PDB file of N, CA and C in Angstrom:
ATOM      1  N   MET A   1       0.843  -1.183   0.000  1.00  0.00           N
ATOM      2  CA  MET A   1       0.000   0.000   0.000  1.00  0.00           C
ATOM      3  C   MET A   1       0.887   1.245   0.000  1.00  0.00           C
ATOM      4  N   SER A   2       0.541   2.179  -0.803  1.00  0.00           N
ATOM      5  CA  SER A   2       1.333   3.390  -0.950  1.00  0.00           C
ATOM      6  C   SER A   2       1.144   4.309   0.252  1.00  0.00           C
ATOM      7  N   ALA A   3       2.189   5.070   0.556  1.00  0.00           N
ATOM      8  CA  ALA A   3       2.121   6.011   1.672  1.00  0.00           C
ATOM      9  C   ALA A   3       1.156   7.155   1.364  1.00  0.00           C
ATOM     10  N   LEU A   4       0.933   7.432   0.071  1.00  0.00           N
ATOM     11  CA  LEU A   4       0.062   8.537  -0.312  1.00  0.00           C
ATOM     12  C   LEU A   4      -1.392   8.124  -0.492  1.00  0.00           C
ATOM     13  N   SER A   5      -1.679   6.849  -0.437  1.00  0.00           N
ATOM     14  CA  SER A   5      -3.037   6.407  -0.764  1.00  0.00           C
ATOM     15  C   SER A   5      -4.093   7.016   0.149  1.00  0.00           C
ATOM     16  N   GLY A   6      -3.765   7.283   1.395  1.00  0.00           N
ATOM     17  CA  GLY A   6      -4.735   7.901   2.294  1.00  0.00           C
ATOM     18  C   GLY A   6      -4.865   9.392   2.079  1.00  0.00           C
ATOM     19  N   GLN A   7      -3.913  10.009   1.373  1.00  0.00           N
ATOM     20  CA  GLN A   7      -3.914  11.456   1.190  1.00  0.00           C
ATOM     21  C   GLN A   7      -4.476  11.890  -0.158  1.00  0.00           C
ATOM     22  N   VAL A   8      -4.657  10.972  -1.075  1.00  0.00           N
ATOM     23  CA  VAL A   8      -5.117  11.330  -2.420  1.00  0.00           C
ATOM     24  C   VAL A   8      -6.631  11.483  -2.409  1.00  0.00           C
ATOM     25  N   ARG A   9      -7.088  12.598  -2.902  1.00  0.00           N
ATOM     26  CA  ARG A   9      -8.522  12.844  -2.988  1.00  0.00           C
ATOM     27  C   ARG A   9      -8.882  13.084  -4.444  1.00  0.00           C
ATOM     28  N   SER A  10      -9.992  12.588  -4.831  1.00  0.00           N
ATOM     29  CA  SER A  10     -10.441  12.880  -6.196  1.00  0.00           C
ATOM     30  C   SER A  10     -11.382  14.072  -6.133  1.00  0.00           C
ATOM     31  N   TYR A  11     -11.307  14.893  -7.139  1.00  0.00           N
ATOM     32  CA  TYR A  11     -12.165  16.066  -7.190  1.00  0.00           C
ATOM     33  C   TYR A  11     -13.254  15.824  -8.211  1.00  0.00           C
ATOM     34  N   LEU A  12     -14.465  15.904  -7.783  1.00  0.00           N
ATOM     35  CA  LEU A  12     -15.607  15.833  -8.680  1.00  0.00           C
ATOM     36  C   LEU A  12     -16.362  17.141  -8.559  1.00  0.00           C
ATOM     37  N   PRO A  13     -16.569  17.837  -9.685  1.00  0.00           N
ATOM     38  CA  PRO A  13     -17.295  19.103  -9.604  1.00  0.00           C
ATOM     39  C   PRO A  13     -18.737  18.848  -9.173  1.00  0.00           C
ATOM     40  N   PRO A  14     -19.351  19.843  -8.543  1.00  0.00           N
ATOM     41  CA  PRO A  14     -20.746  19.655  -8.134  1.00  0.00           C
ATOM     42  C   PRO A  14     -21.629  19.472  -9.361  1.00  0.00           C
ATOM     43  N   LYS A  15     -22.646  18.663  -9.221  1.00  0.00           N
ATOM     44  CA  LYS A  15     -23.541  18.404 -10.343  1.00  0.00           C
ATOM     45  C   LYS A  15     -24.339  19.666 -10.639  1.00  0.00           C
ATOM     46  N   ALA A  16     -24.278  20.110 -11.879  1.00  0.00           N
ATOM     47  CA  ALA A  16     -24.994  21.308 -12.280  1.00  0.00           C
ATOM     48  C   ALA A  16     -26.462  20.970 -12.510  1.00  0.00           C
ATOM     49  N   GLU A  17     -27.294  21.947 -12.237  1.00  0.00           N
ATOM     50  CA  GLU A  17     -28.715  21.747 -12.493  1.00  0.00           C
ATOM     51  C   GLU A  17     -28.956  21.829 -13.992  1.00  0.00           C
ATOM     52  N   ALA A  18     -29.856  21.021 -14.465  1.00  0.00           N
ATOM     53  CA  ALA A  18     -30.186  21.038 -15.889  1.00  0.00           C
ATOM     54  C   ALA A  18     -30.920  22.331 -16.222  1.00  0.00           C
ATOM     55  N   GLU A  19     -30.574  22.899 -17.373  1.00  0.00           N
ATOM     56  CA  GLU A  19     -31.260  24.100 -17.818  1.00  0.00           C
ATOM     57  C   GLU A  19     -32.617  23.726 -18.393  1.00  0.00           C
ATOM     58  N   SER A  20     -33.531  24.651 -18.288  1.00  0.00           N
ATOM     59  CA  SER A  20     -34.824  24.420 -18.926  1.00  0.00           C
ATOM     60  C   SER A  20     -34.676  24.744 -20.411  1.00  0.00           C
ATOM     61  N   MET A  21     -35.622  24.294 -21.201  1.00  0.00           N
ATOM     62  CA  MET A  21     -35.578  24.578 -22.639  1.00  0.00           C
ATOM     63  C   MET A  21     -35.659  26.080 -22.885  1.00  0.00           C
ATOM     64  N   ALA A  22     -36.436  26.789 -22.090  1.00  0.00           N
ATOM     65  CA  ALA A  22     -36.554  28.241 -22.249  1.00  0.00           C
ATOM     66  C   ALA A  22     -35.213  28.919 -21.987  1.00  0.00           C
ATOM     67  N   GLU A  23     -34.485  28.469 -20.955  1.00  0.00           N
ATOM     68  CA  GLU A  23     -33.164  29.038 -20.667  1.00  0.00           C
ATOM     69  C   GLU A  23     -32.193  28.746 -21.807  1.00  0.00           C
ATOM     70  N   LEU A  24     -32.259  27.553 -22.328  1.00  0.00           N
ATOM     71  CA  LEU A  24     -31.376  27.186 -23.432  1.00  0.00           C
ATOM     72  C   LEU A  24     -31.669  28.031 -24.663  1.00  0.00           C
ATOM     73  N   ARG A  25     -32.946  28.226 -24.979  1.00  0.00           N
ATOM     74  CA  ARG A  25     -33.307  29.070 -26.127  1.00  0.00           C
ATOM     75  C   ARG A  25     -32.821  30.501 -25.920  1.00  0.00           C
ATOM     76  N   GLY A  26     -32.961  31.006 -24.701  1.00  0.00           N
ATOM     77  CA  GLY A  26     -32.501  32.362 -24.411  1.00  0.00           C
ATOM     78  C   GLY A  26     -30.996  32.488 -24.578  1.00  0.00           C
ATOM     79  N   ASP A  27     -30.259  31.487 -24.104  1.00  0.00           N
ATOM     80  CA  ASP A  27     -28.800  31.495 -24.273  1.00  0.00           C
ATOM     81  C   ASP A  27     -28.435  31.491 -25.753  1.00  0.00           C
ATOM     82  N   CYS A  28     -29.121  30.671 -26.517  1.00  0.00           N
ATOM     83  CA  CYS A  28     -28.831  30.588 -27.953  1.00  0.00           C
ATOM     84  C   CYS A  28     -29.151  31.901 -28.654  1.00  0.00           C
ATOM     85  N   ALA A  29     -30.219  32.573 -28.231  1.00  0.00           N
ATOM     86  CA  ALA A  29     -30.609  33.838 -28.850  1.00  0.00           C
ATOM     87  C   ALA A  29     -29.587  34.931 -28.577  1.00  0.00           C
ATOM     88  N   ARG A  30     -28.853  34.824 -27.474  1.00  0.00           N
ATOM     89  CA  ARG A  30     -27.868  35.843 -27.113  1.00  0.00           C
ATOM     90  C   ARG A  30     -26.479  35.582 -27.689  1.00  0.00           C
ATOM     91  N   ILE A  31     -26.296  34.494 -28.375  1.00  0.00           N
ATOM     92  CA  ILE A  31     -24.976  34.200 -28.942  1.00  0.00           C
ATOM     93  C   ILE A  31     -24.614  35.281 -29.952  1.00  0.00           C
ATOM     94  N   ASP A  32     -23.365  35.636 -29.973  1.00  0.00           N
ATOM     95  CA  ASP A  32     -22.857  36.666 -30.872  1.00  0.00           C
ATOM     96  C   ASP A  32     -23.267  36.369 -32.310  1.00  0.00           C
ATOM     97  N   VAL A  33     -23.818  37.389 -32.986  1.00  0.00           N
ATOM     98  CA  VAL A  33     -24.283  37.192 -34.359  1.00  0.00           C
ATOM     99  C   VAL A  33     -23.138  36.919 -35.329  1.00  0.00           C
ATOM    100  N   SER A  34     -21.915  37.205 -34.928  1.00  0.00           N
ATOM    101  CA  SER A  34     -20.793  36.919 -35.829  1.00  0.00           C
ATOM    102  C   SER A  34     -20.493  35.423 -35.877  1.00  0.00           C
ATOM    103  N   TRP A  35     -21.102  34.651 -35.018  1.00  0.00           N
ATOM    104  CA  TRP A  35     -20.918  33.200 -35.017  1.00  0.00           C
ATOM    105  C   TRP A  35     -21.919  32.571 -35.969  1.00  0.00           C
ATOM    106  N   THR A  36     -21.730  32.809 -37.207  1.00  0.00           N
ATOM    107  CA  THR A  36     -22.649  32.249 -38.192  1.00  0.00           C
ATOM    108  C   THR A  36     -21.952  31.136 -38.951  1.00  0.00           C
ATOM    109  N   THR A  37     -22.741  30.287 -39.522  1.00  0.00           N
ATOM    110  CA  THR A  37     -22.167  29.220 -40.337  1.00  0.00           C
ATOM    111  C   THR A  37     -22.017  29.724 -41.761  1.00  0.00           C
ATOM    112  N   PRO A  38     -20.995  29.281 -42.464  1.00  0.00           N
ATOM    113  CA  PRO A  38     -20.815  29.724 -43.843  1.00  0.00           C
ATOM    114  C   PRO A  38     -21.937  29.176 -44.724  1.00  0.00           C
ATOM    115  N   HIS A  39     -22.272  29.950 -45.742  1.00  0.00           N
ATOM    116  CA  HIS A  39     -23.302  29.509 -46.683  1.00  0.00           C
ATOM    117  C   HIS A  39     -22.749  28.360 -47.516  1.00  0.00           C
ATOM    118  N   VAL A  40     -23.494  27.300 -47.573  1.00  0.00           N
ATOM    119  CA  VAL A  40     -23.083  26.144 -48.366  1.00  0.00           C
ATOM    120  C   VAL A  40     -24.109  25.954 -49.467  1.00  0.00           C
ATOM    121  N   ALA A  41     -23.627  25.933 -50.691  1.00  0.00           N
ATOM    122  CA  ALA A  41     -24.532  25.746 -51.819  1.00  0.00           C
ATOM    123  C   ALA A  41     -25.137  24.350 -51.774  1.00  0.00           C
ATOM    124  N   LYS A  42     -26.395  24.270 -52.144  1.00  0.00           N
ATOM    125  CA  LYS A  42     -27.057  22.968 -52.181  1.00  0.00           C
ATOM    126  C   LYS A  42     -26.478  22.155 -53.339  1.00  0.00           C
ATOM    127  N   PRO A  43     -26.317  20.855 -53.152  1.00  0.00           N
ATOM    128  CA  PRO A  43     -25.791  20.041 -54.248  1.00  0.00           C
ATOM    129  C   PRO A  43     -26.786  19.984 -55.404  1.00  0.00           C
ATOM    130  N   LEU A  44     -26.245  19.891 -56.590  1.00  0.00           N
ATOM    131  CA  LEU A  44     -27.087  19.795 -57.773  1.00  0.00           C
ATOM    132  C   LEU A  44     -27.772  18.440 -57.800  1.00  0.00           C
ATOM    133  N   PRO A  45     -28.974  18.389 -58.352  1.00  0.00           N
ATOM    134  CA  PRO A  45     -29.638  17.092 -58.446  1.00  0.00           C
ATOM    135  C   PRO A  45     -28.837  16.155 -59.352  1.00  0.00           C
ATOM    136  N   THR A  46     -28.863  14.895 -59.021  1.00  0.00           N
ATOM    137  CA  THR A  46     -28.116  13.919 -59.806  1.00  0.00           C
ATOM    138  C   THR A  46     -29.065  12.977 -60.518  1.00  0.00           C
ATOM    139  N   THR A  47     -28.572  12.396 -61.559  1.00  0.00           N
ATOM    140  CA  THR A  47     -29.327  11.397 -62.307  1.00  0.00           C
ATOM    141  C   THR A  47     -28.572  10.084 -62.203  1.00  0.00           C
ATOM    142  N   PRO A  48     -29.238   8.966 -62.431  1.00  0.00           N
ATOM    143  CA  PRO A  48     -28.517   7.684 -62.387  1.00  0.00           C
ATOM    144  C   PRO A  48     -27.321   7.664 -63.338  1.00  0.00           C
ATOM    145  N   PHE A  49     -27.443   8.336 -64.485  1.00  0.00           N
ATOM    146  CA  PHE A  49     -26.337   8.354 -65.440  1.00  0.00           C
ATOM    147  C   PHE A  49     -25.114   9.055 -64.856  1.00  0.00           C
ATOM    148  N   SER A  50     -25.332  10.117 -64.082  1.00  0.00           N
ATOM    149  CA  SER A  50     -24.196  10.862 -63.530  1.00  0.00           C
ATOM    150  C   SER A  50     -23.513  10.115 -62.392  1.00  0.00           C
ATOM    151  N   LEU A  51     -24.150   9.074 -61.868  1.00  0.00           N
ATOM    152  CA  LEU A  51     -23.573   8.316 -60.766  1.00  0.00           C
ATOM    153  C   LEU A  51     -22.757   7.115 -61.228  1.00  0.00           C
ATOM    154  N   THR A  52     -22.693   6.867 -62.521  1.00  0.00           N
ATOM    155  CA  THR A  52     -21.954   5.706 -63.010  1.00  0.00           C
ATOM    156  C   THR A  52     -20.456   5.959 -62.921  1.00  0.00           C
ATOM    157  N   ALA A  53     -19.714   4.895 -62.826  1.00  0.00           N
ATOM    158  CA  ALA A  53     -18.258   4.989 -62.750  1.00  0.00           C
ATOM    159  C   ALA A  53     -17.705   5.421 -64.104  1.00  0.00           C
ATOM    160  N   PRO A  54     -16.582   6.100 -64.107  1.00  0.00           N
ATOM    161  CA  PRO A  54     -15.981   6.492 -65.382  1.00  0.00           C
ATOM    162  C   PRO A  54     -15.502   5.257 -66.142  1.00  0.00           C
ATOM    163  N   ALA A  55     -15.373   5.417 -67.437  1.00  0.00           N
ATOM    164  CA  ALA A  55     -14.928   4.306 -68.283  1.00  0.00           C
ATOM    165  C   ALA A  55     -13.493   3.919 -67.936  1.00  0.00           C
ATOM    166  N   VAL A  56     -13.212   2.646 -68.037  1.00  0.00           N
ATOM    167  CA  VAL A  56     -11.877   2.129 -67.764  1.00  0.00           C
ATOM    168  C   VAL A  56     -11.354   1.494 -69.036  1.00  0.00           C
ATOM    169  N   GLU A  57     -10.145   1.854 -69.406  1.00  0.00           N
ATOM    170  CA  GLU A  57      -9.533   1.254 -70.595  1.00  0.00           C
ATOM    171  C   GLU A  57      -8.640   0.105 -70.166  1.00  0.00           C
ATOM    172  N   VAL A  58      -8.848  -1.055 -70.776  1.00  0.00           N
ATOM    173  CA  VAL A  58      -8.056  -2.240 -70.474  1.00  0.00           C
ATOM    174  C   VAL A  58      -7.233  -2.574 -71.705  1.00  0.00           C
ATOM    175  N   PRO A  59      -5.924  -2.725 -71.555  1.00  0.00           N
ATOM    176  CA  PRO A  59      -5.094  -3.091 -72.706  1.00  0.00           C
ATOM    177  C   PRO A  59      -5.544  -4.438 -73.278  1.00  0.00           C
ATOM    178  N   ALA A  60      -5.370  -4.608 -74.585  1.00  0.00           N
ATOM    179  CA  ALA A  60      -5.806  -5.832 -75.268  1.00  0.00           C
ATOM    180  C   ALA A  60      -5.175  -7.074 -74.644  1.00  0.00           C
ATOM    181  N   ARG A  61      -3.897  -6.998 -74.281  1.00  0.00           N
ATOM    182  CA  ARG A  61      -3.238  -8.166 -73.681  1.00  0.00           C
ATOM    183  C   ARG A  61      -3.881  -8.540 -72.353  1.00  0.00           C
ATOM    184  N   GLY A  62      -4.243  -7.538 -71.549  1.00  0.00           N
ATOM    185  CA  GLY A  62      -4.896  -7.800 -70.270  1.00  0.00           C
ATOM    186  C   GLY A  62      -6.279  -8.399 -70.464  1.00  0.00           C
ATOM    187  N   ALA A  63      -7.020  -7.882 -71.449  1.00  0.00           N
ATOM    188  CA  ALA A  63      -8.348  -8.419 -71.728  1.00  0.00           C
ATOM    189  C   ALA A  63      -8.253  -9.854 -72.211  1.00  0.00           C
ATOM    190  N   ALA A  64      -7.255 -10.149 -73.054  1.00  0.00           N
ATOM    191  CA  ALA A  64      -7.077 -11.518 -73.558  1.00  0.00           C
ATOM    192  C   ALA A  64      -6.707 -12.455 -72.410  1.00  0.00           C
ATOM    193  N   LEU A  65      -5.905 -11.986 -71.475  1.00  0.00           N
ATOM    194  CA  LEU A  65      -5.512 -12.803 -70.330  1.00  0.00           C
ATOM    195  C   LEU A  65      -6.730 -13.153 -69.477  1.00  0.00           C
ATOM    196  N   VAL A  66      -7.556 -12.155 -69.169  1.00  0.00           N
ATOM    197  CA  VAL A  66      -8.744 -12.396 -68.355  1.00  0.00           C
ATOM    198  C   VAL A  66      -9.733 -13.286 -69.104  1.00  0.00           C
ATOM    199  N   ALA A  67      -9.909 -13.055 -70.391  1.00  0.00           N
ATOM    200  CA  ALA A  67     -10.828 -13.882 -71.181  1.00  0.00           C
ATOM    201  C   ALA A  67     -10.363 -15.329 -71.226  1.00  0.00           C
ATOM    202  N   GLY A  68      -9.066 -15.551 -71.147  1.00  0.00           N
ATOM    203  CA  GLY A  68      -8.525 -16.902 -71.194  1.00  0.00           C
ATOM    204  C   GLY A  68      -8.675 -17.667 -69.889  1.00  0.00           C
ATOM    205  N   LEU A  69      -8.986 -16.985 -68.804  1.00  0.00           N
ATOM    206  CA  LEU A  69      -9.180 -17.668 -67.529  1.00  0.00           C
ATOM    207  C   LEU A  69     -10.510 -18.414 -67.549  1.00  0.00           C
ATOM    208  N   ALA A  70     -10.519 -19.623 -67.050  1.00  0.00           N
ATOM    209  CA  ALA A  70     -11.706 -20.468 -67.111  1.00  0.00           C
ATOM    210  C   ALA A  70     -12.908 -19.828 -66.409  1.00  0.00           C
ATOM    211  N   GLU A  71     -12.697 -19.153 -65.283  1.00  0.00           N
ATOM    212  CA  GLU A  71     -13.837 -18.599 -64.553  1.00  0.00           C
ATOM    213  C   GLU A  71     -14.388 -17.331 -65.172  1.00  0.00           C
ATOM    214  N   PHE A  72     -13.652 -16.692 -66.091  1.00  0.00           N
ATOM    215  CA  PHE A  72     -14.128 -15.479 -66.741  1.00  0.00           C
ATOM    216  C   PHE A  72     -14.448 -15.697 -68.212  1.00  0.00           C
ATOM    217  N   GLY A  73     -13.852 -16.654 -68.820  1.00  0.00           N
ATOM    218  CA  GLY A  73     -14.050 -16.890 -70.257  1.00  0.00           C
ATOM    219  C   GLY A  73     -15.311 -17.684 -70.532  1.00  0.00           C
ATOM    220  N   ASP A  74     -15.459 -18.072 -71.799  1.00  0.00           N
ATOM    221  CA  ASP A  74     -16.649 -18.848 -72.208  1.00  0.00           C
ATOM    222  C   ASP A  74     -16.590 -20.241 -71.681  1.00  0.00           C
TER     223      ASP A  74
END
């Protein structure tokens, strides 16, 4: 047992009372007006076509190799 074990105290702050919703709204209303969020443009609507992956070019040798594999070929 440590010599300090009887002398160590933990500090717990007193439990704060919960604010009412009215108090919370009042606090929010008093926040500095310079604390604004930046304007974010809304995303443009998308179509299924615009969500497709870009085209991938496969060299002929690579395509022939994959086609020759039993699990991918005819």
